[in-house]
Amino acid sequence: MLDELTPFEEAILKAHDFGAALAATQVITELVNSNVELRTEKSRTPLCGQTLERRKEIMVEIRRNEQALTLVAQLNEMQLGISG
């Protein structure tokens, strides 16, 4: 039948899935680490007129990272049928 994969083709697909999972894990790790660094910087940045703009930038970056992490979680939910 044409719908069946040979063992070699199946191994190739599994290797691609594995590579994609590794890449996704790296992106997630970078986003989490970035948020940790940004939160640390935010807590060390004093509340004054000169640093207020930087604190706003930090909050925007944190929010953007969190939105990306939420999107990844939602995609995993849809793909794997996981419910939260």
Protein backbone atom coordinates (compact mmCIF):
# COMPACT_ATOMS: atom_id res chain seq x y z
CA MET A 1 0.00 0.00 0.00
CA LEU A 2 1.23 3.54 -0.70
CA ASP A 3 0.03 4.84 2.68
CA GLU A 4 2.52 2.78 4.66
CA LEU A 5 5.95 4.09 5.52
CA THR A 6 9.09 2.09 5.23
CA PRO A 7 11.13 1.80 8.45
CA PHE A 8 13.67 4.21 6.97
CA GLU A 9 10.99 6.82 6.19
CA GLU A 10 9.54 6.42 9.65
CA ALA A 11 12.99 6.93 11.19
CA ILE A 12 13.47 10.10 9.14
CA LEU A 13 10.13 11.50 10.34
CA LYS A 14 10.98 10.69 13.95
CA ALA A 15 14.36 12.40 13.55
CA HIS A 16 12.66 15.51 12.18
CA ASP A 17 10.18 15.50 15.08
CA PHE A 18 13.04 15.14 17.54
CA GLY A 19 14.94 18.03 15.97
CA ALA A 20 11.85 20.24 16.03
CA ALA A 21 11.25 19.38 19.69
CA LEU A 22 14.85 20.26 20.56
CA ALA A 23 14.55 23.59 18.77
CA ALA A 24 11.27 24.37 20.55
CA THR A 25 12.85 23.48 23.89
CA GLN A 26 15.72 25.87 23.19
CA VAL A 27 13.33 28.71 22.32
CA ILE A 28 11.30 28.11 25.48
CA THR A 29 14.46 28.02 27.60
CA GLU A 30 15.66 31.30 26.08
CA LEU A 31 12.31 32.98 26.75
CA VAL A 32 12.23 31.80 30.37
CA ASN A 33 15.85 32.83 30.98
CA SER A 34 15.22 36.19 29.38
CA ASN A 35 12.28 36.81 31.70
CA VAL A 36 14.36 35.87 34.74
CA GLU A 37 17.06 38.36 33.70
CA LEU A 38 14.51 41.07 32.90
CA ARG A 39 12.72 40.64 36.24
CA THR A 40 16.06 40.86 38.05
CA GLU A 41 16.95 44.03 36.15
CA LYS A 42 13.51 45.48 36.87
CA SER A 43 13.82 44.83 40.60
CA ARG A 44 17.26 46.49 40.64
CA THR A 45 16.20 49.51 38.60
CA PRO A 46 15.18 52.38 40.89
CA LEU A 47 11.85 54.11 40.51
CA CYS A 48 12.82 57.56 39.34
CA GLY A 49 12.21 59.70 36.30
CA GLN A 50 15.45 58.72 34.59
CA THR A 51 14.87 54.96 34.78
CA LEU A 52 11.09 54.92 34.39
CA GLU A 53 11.34 54.54 30.61
CA ARG A 54 13.66 51.53 30.94
CA ARG A 55 11.27 49.90 33.42
CA LYS A 56 8.47 50.34 30.86
CA GLU A 57 10.64 48.70 28.20
CA ILE A 58 11.39 45.80 30.54
CA MET A 59 7.69 45.27 31.22
CA VAL A 60 6.92 45.26 27.50
CA GLU A 61 9.65 42.67 26.89
CA ILE A 62 8.41 40.50 29.75
CA ARG A 63 4.83 40.69 28.46
CA ARG A 64 5.98 39.79 24.93
CA ASN A 65 7.92 36.76 26.23
CA GLU A 66 4.96 35.61 28.30
CA GLN A 67 2.66 35.88 25.28
CA ALA A 68 5.08 33.76 23.25
CA LEU A 69 5.21 31.15 26.03
CA THR A 70 1.41 31.12 26.22
CA LEU A 71 1.21 30.59 22.47
CA VAL A 72 3.64 27.66 22.67
CA ALA A 73 1.57 26.12 25.46
CA GLN A 74 -1.65 26.54 23.46
CA LEU A 75 -0.06 24.96 20.37
CA ASN A 76 1.11 22.00 22.47
CA GLU A 77 -2.39 21.68 23.90
CA MET A 78 -3.89 21.52 20.43
CA GLN A 79 -1.25 19.19 19.04
CA LEU A 80 -1.09 16.78 21.96
CA GLY A 81 -4.67 17.09 23.20
CA ILE A 82 -3.54 18.31 26.61
CA SER A 83 -6.07 20.20 28.67
CA GLY A 84 -5.01 22.65 31.34
